[in-house]
């Protein structure tokens, strides 16, 4: 096995990395400008809204947002001060905490979500053919399964 990528591998790799970074930054800037909401906060609001009773264990939230526990703790501290989330003790595990979506957090999410969806649609779905979209989905799912240890 070569210690270098082929020219086509290098081009594909760099294009993928740049596209995903630019897209995340662009969508993040849009939601920040419109709602004063960092993209990471938006993702947490979405994840909490999808959790049972709009809550998730902090450890689970860190795992699904790919955040370190210390980084997530600081982020939740800030979001809690803004009234978007609150922490609750886990009655089944005294050491564990839940992050819980507040009514204010849900309102913020409900206001921001259509705007975010429009940005995703405009910058991804509107420019890809159905065949390209299917390929992107298959490739992304395959890489995710591999990184999750599945085959």
C-alpha atoms as a PDB file:
ATOM      1  CA  UNK A   1       0.000   0.000   0.000  1.00  0.00           C
ATOM      2  CA  UNK A   2       1.300   3.419  -0.957  1.00  0.00           C
ATOM      3  CA  UNK A   3       1.905   6.097   1.661  1.00  0.00           C
ATOM      4  CA  UNK A   4       0.417   8.658  -0.735  1.00  0.00           C
ATOM      5  CA  UNK A   5      -3.012   9.135  -2.212  1.00  0.00           C
ATOM      6  CA  UNK A   6      -3.372   8.881  -5.943  1.00  0.00           C
ATOM      7  CA  UNK A   7      -4.156  12.095  -7.789  1.00  0.00           C
ATOM      8  CA  UNK A   8      -7.839  11.164  -8.095  1.00  0.00           C
ATOM      9  CA  UNK A   9      -8.003  10.092  -4.424  1.00  0.00           C
ATOM     10  CA  UNK A  10      -6.356  13.345  -3.342  1.00  0.00           C
ATOM     11  CA  UNK A  11      -8.774  15.400  -5.434  1.00  0.00           C
ATOM     12  CA  UNK A  12     -11.819  13.516  -4.118  1.00  0.00           C
ATOM     13  CA  UNK A  13     -10.621  13.730  -0.519  1.00  0.00           C
ATOM     14  CA  UNK A  14      -9.860  17.450  -0.635  1.00  0.00           C
ATOM     15  CA  UNK A  15     -13.117  18.225  -2.434  1.00  0.00           C
ATOM     16  CA  UNK A  16     -15.138  16.294   0.158  1.00  0.00           C
ATOM     17  CA  UNK A  17     -13.376  17.950   3.089  1.00  0.00           C
ATOM     18  CA  UNK A  18     -13.676  21.445   1.621  1.00  0.00           C
ATOM     19  CA  UNK A  19     -17.322  21.006   0.663  1.00  0.00           C
ATOM     20  CA  UNK A  20     -18.342  19.754   4.101  1.00  0.00           C
ATOM     21  CA  UNK A  21     -16.335  22.433   5.921  1.00  0.00           C
ATOM     22  CA  UNK A  22     -17.631  25.231   3.701  1.00  0.00           C
ATOM     23  CA  UNK A  23     -21.211  23.994   3.966  1.00  0.00           C
ATOM     24  CA  UNK A  24     -21.079  23.726   7.767  1.00  0.00           C
ATOM     25  CA  UNK A  25     -19.458  27.164   8.060  1.00  0.00           C
ATOM     26  CA  UNK A  26     -21.915  28.748   5.612  1.00  0.00           C
ATOM     27  CA  UNK A  27     -25.010  27.283   7.286  1.00  0.00           C
ATOM     28  CA  UNK A  28     -23.575  28.126  10.689  1.00  0.00           C
ATOM     29  CA  UNK A  29     -22.963  31.739   9.720  1.00  0.00           C
ATOM     30  CA  UNK A  30     -26.483  32.059   8.334  1.00  0.00           C
ATOM     31  CA  UNK A  31     -28.140  30.761  11.511  1.00  0.00           C
ATOM     32  CA  UNK A  32     -25.798  32.834  13.681  1.00  0.00           C
ATOM     33  CA  UNK A  33     -26.587  35.993  11.719  1.00  0.00           C
ATOM     34  CA  UNK A  34     -30.343  35.399  11.677  1.00  0.00           C
ATOM     35  CA  UNK A  35     -30.922  34.005  15.194  1.00  0.00           C
ATOM     36  CA  UNK A  36     -27.709  34.633  17.156  1.00  0.00           C
ATOM     37  CA  UNK A  37     -27.480  30.858  17.489  1.00  0.00           C
ATOM     38  CA  UNK A  38     -24.191  29.042  16.946  1.00  0.00           C
ATOM     39  CA  UNK A  39     -24.508  25.932  14.785  1.00  0.00           C
ATOM     40  CA  UNK A  40     -23.384  23.725  17.675  1.00  0.00           C
ATOM     41  CA  UNK A  41     -26.209  25.079  19.840  1.00  0.00           C
ATOM     42  CA  UNK A  42     -28.697  24.500  17.032  1.00  0.00           C
ATOM     43  CA  UNK A  43     -27.544  20.882  16.761  1.00  0.00           C
ATOM     44  CA  UNK A  44     -28.026  20.380  20.505  1.00  0.00           C
ATOM     45  CA  UNK A  45     -31.538  21.835  20.353  1.00  0.00           C
ATOM     46  CA  UNK A  46     -32.371  19.464  17.472  1.00  0.00           C
ATOM     47  CA  UNK A  47     -30.953  16.432  19.288  1.00  0.00           C
ATOM     48  CA  UNK A  48     -32.782  17.265  22.508  1.00  0.00           C
ATOM     49  CA  UNK A  49     -36.050  17.796  20.619  1.00  0.00           C
ATOM     50  CA  UNK A  50     -35.701  14.262  19.252  1.00  0.00           C
ATOM     51  CA  UNK A  51     -34.923  12.689  22.633  1.00  0.00           C
ATOM     52  CA  UNK A  52     -37.450  11.019  24.897  1.00  0.00           C
ATOM     53  CA  UNK A  53     -39.282  13.779  26.782  1.00  0.00           C
ATOM     54  CA  UNK A  54     -36.962  16.227  24.996  1.00  0.00           C
ATOM     55  CA  UNK A  55     -34.036  15.192  27.156  1.00  0.00           C
ATOM     56  CA  UNK A  56     -30.813  13.222  26.802  1.00  0.00           C
ATOM     57  CA  UNK A  57     -28.115  12.101  29.170  1.00  0.00           C
ATOM     58  CA  UNK A  58     -25.142  14.428  28.914  1.00  0.00           C
ATOM     59  CA  UNK A  59     -22.912  11.484  28.015  1.00  0.00           C
ATOM     60  CA  UNK A  60     -25.240  10.469  25.167  1.00  0.00           C
ATOM     61  CA  UNK A  61     -25.478  14.051  23.941  1.00  0.00           C
ATOM     62  CA  UNK A  62     -21.677  14.295  23.888  1.00  0.00           C
ATOM     63  CA  UNK A  63     -21.475  11.067  21.913  1.00  0.00           C
ATOM     64  CA  UNK A  64     -24.009  11.994  19.224  1.00  0.00           C
ATOM     65  CA  UNK A  65     -22.680  15.536  18.789  1.00  0.00           C
ATOM     66  CA  UNK A  66     -19.057  14.319  18.721  1.00  0.00           C
ATOM     67  CA  UNK A  67     -18.183  16.729  21.527  1.00  0.00           C
ATOM     68  CA  UNK A  68     -15.854  16.090  24.419  1.00  0.00           C
ATOM     69  CA  UNK A  69     -17.639  16.021  27.746  1.00  0.00           C
ATOM     70  CA  UNK A  70     -15.807  19.124  28.940  1.00  0.00           C
ATOM     71  CA  UNK A  71     -16.634  21.045  25.756  1.00  0.00           C
ATOM     72  CA  UNK A  72     -20.266  19.991  25.993  1.00  0.00           C
ATOM     73  CA  UNK A  73     -20.389  21.024  29.662  1.00  0.00           C
ATOM     74  CA  UNK A  74     -19.231  24.538  28.764  1.00  0.00           C
ATOM     75  CA  UNK A  75     -21.677  24.705  25.882  1.00  0.00           C
ATOM     76  CA  UNK A  76     -24.589  23.551  28.050  1.00  0.00           C
ATOM     77  CA  UNK A  77     -23.541  26.085  30.726  1.00  0.00           C
ATOM     78  CA  UNK A  78     -23.853  28.858  28.152  1.00  0.00           C
ATOM     79  CA  UNK A  79     -27.122  27.523  26.729  1.00  0.00           C
ATOM     80  CA  UNK A  80     -28.538  27.149  30.239  1.00  0.00           C
ATOM     81  CA  UNK A  81     -27.734  30.803  30.989  1.00  0.00           C
ATOM     82  CA  UNK A  82     -29.564  31.725  27.774  1.00  0.00           C
ATOM     83  CA  UNK A  83     -32.601  29.729  28.946  1.00  0.00           C
ATOM     84  CA  UNK A  84     -32.473  27.248  26.052  1.00  0.00           C
ATOM     85  CA  UNK A  85     -31.795  24.136  28.138  1.00  0.00           C
ATOM     86  CA  UNK A  86     -31.662  23.060  31.742  1.00  0.00           C
ATOM     87  CA  UNK A  87     -29.941  20.265  33.575  1.00  0.00           C
ATOM     88  CA  UNK A  88     -31.757  17.678  35.630  1.00  0.00           C
ATOM     89  CA  UNK A  89     -30.395  14.983  37.871  1.00  0.00           C
ATOM     90  CA  UNK A  90     -30.885  11.437  36.681  1.00  0.00           C
ATOM     91  CA  UNK A  91     -32.969   9.651  39.345  1.00  0.00           C
ATOM     92  CA  UNK A  92     -31.561   6.288  38.209  1.00  0.00           C
ATOM     93  CA  UNK A  93     -27.911   7.357  38.369  1.00  0.00           C
ATOM     94  CA  UNK A  94     -26.847  10.012  40.862  1.00  0.00           C
ATOM     95  CA  UNK A  95     -23.709  10.804  38.856  1.00  0.00           C
ATOM     96  CA  UNK A  96     -25.550  11.277  35.578  1.00  0.00           C
ATOM     97  CA  UNK A  97     -27.244  14.425  34.384  1.00  0.00           C
ATOM     98  CA  UNK A  98     -29.810  15.070  31.714  1.00  0.00           C
ATOM     99  CA  UNK A  99     -29.809  18.037  29.382  1.00  0.00           C
ATOM    100  CA  UNK A 100     -33.433  19.063  28.865  1.00  0.00           C
ATOM    101  CA  UNK A 101     -34.917  21.324  26.203  1.00  0.00           C
ATOM    102  CA  UNK A 102     -36.789  24.262  27.751  1.00  0.00           C
ATOM    103  CA  UNK A 103     -39.902  25.892  26.315  1.00  0.00           C
ATOM    104  CA  UNK A 104     -37.709  28.810  25.223  1.00  0.00           C
ATOM    105  CA  UNK A 105     -35.280  26.405  23.564  1.00  0.00           C
ATOM    106  CA  UNK A 106     -38.129  24.707  21.724  1.00  0.00           C
ATOM    107  CA  UNK A 107     -39.475  28.079  20.537  1.00  0.00           C
ATOM    108  CA  UNK A 108     -36.017  29.050  19.316  1.00  0.00           C
ATOM    109  CA  UNK A 109     -35.667  25.750  17.497  1.00  0.00           C
ATOM    110  CA  UNK A 110     -39.112  26.064  15.921  1.00  0.00           C
ATOM    111  CA  UNK A 111     -38.201  29.529  14.646  1.00  0.00           C
ATOM    112  CA  UNK A 112     -34.736  28.566  13.387  1.00  0.00           C
ATOM    113  CA  UNK A 113     -35.493  25.150  11.873  1.00  0.00           C
ATOM    114  CA  UNK A 114     -37.378  26.315   8.753  1.00  0.00           C
ATOM    115  CA  UNK A 115     -34.609  28.840   8.046  1.00  0.00           C
ATOM    116  CA  UNK A 116     -31.931  26.139   8.457  1.00  0.00           C
ATOM    117  CA  UNK A 117     -33.852  23.665   6.291  1.00  0.00           C
ATOM    118  CA  UNK A 118     -34.133  26.280   3.551  1.00  0.00           C
ATOM    119  CA  UNK A 119     -30.363  26.818   3.718  1.00  0.00           C
ATOM    120  CA  UNK A 120     -29.706  23.084   3.439  1.00  0.00           C
ATOM    121  CA  UNK A 121     -32.171  22.809   0.566  1.00  0.00           C
ATOM    122  CA  UNK A 122     -30.684  25.806  -1.283  1.00  0.00           C
ATOM    123  CA  UNK A 123     -27.055  24.725  -0.818  1.00  0.00           C
ATOM    124  CA  UNK A 124     -27.379  20.947  -1.205  1.00  0.00           C
ATOM    125  CA  UNK A 125     -30.636  19.497  -2.459  1.00  0.00           C
ATOM    126  CA  UNK A 126     -31.389  22.146  -5.071  1.00  0.00           C
ATOM    127  CA  UNK A 127     -28.011  21.661  -6.765  1.00  0.00           C
ATOM    128  CA  UNK A 128     -27.844  17.837  -6.756  1.00  0.00           C
ATOM    129  CA  UNK A 129     -29.709  15.503  -9.049  1.00  0.00           C
ATOM    130  CA  UNK A 130     -31.671  12.675  -7.411  1.00  0.00           C
ATOM    131  CA  UNK A 131     -28.944  10.261  -8.560  1.00  0.00           C
ATOM    132  CA  UNK A 132     -26.188  12.400  -7.034  1.00  0.00           C
ATOM    133  CA  UNK A 133     -28.131  12.712  -3.811  1.00  0.00           C
ATOM    134  CA  UNK A 134     -28.586   8.929  -3.648  1.00  0.00           C
ATOM    135  CA  UNK A 135     -24.834   8.488  -4.165  1.00  0.00           C
ATOM    136  CA  UNK A 136     -23.979  11.012  -1.446  1.00  0.00           C
ATOM    137  CA  UNK A 137     -26.358   9.226   0.944  1.00  0.00           C
ATOM    138  CA  UNK A 138     -24.914   5.778   0.171  1.00  0.00           C
ATOM    139  CA  UNK A 139     -21.312   6.927   0.485  1.00  0.00           C
ATOM    140  CA  UNK A 140     -21.936   8.848   3.711  1.00  0.00           C
ATOM    141  CA  UNK A 141     -23.815   5.931   5.274  1.00  0.00           C
ATOM    142  CA  UNK A 142     -21.056   3.507   4.272  1.00  0.00           C
ATOM    143  CA  UNK A 143     -18.316   5.681   5.800  1.00  0.00           C
ATOM    144  CA  UNK A 144     -20.391   6.214   8.972  1.00  0.00           C
ATOM    145  CA  UNK A 145     -20.987   2.461   9.370  1.00  0.00           C
ATOM    146  CA  UNK A 146     -17.270   1.802   8.918  1.00  0.00           C
ATOM    147  CA  UNK A 147     -16.306   4.438  11.493  1.00  0.00           C
ATOM    148  CA  UNK A 148     -18.912   3.070  13.900  1.00  0.00           C
ATOM    149  CA  UNK A 149     -17.237  -0.340  13.632  1.00  0.00           C
ATOM    150  CA  UNK A 150     -19.928  -1.946  11.503  1.00  0.00           C
ATOM    151  CA  UNK A 151     -19.319  -3.599   8.163  1.00  0.00           C
END
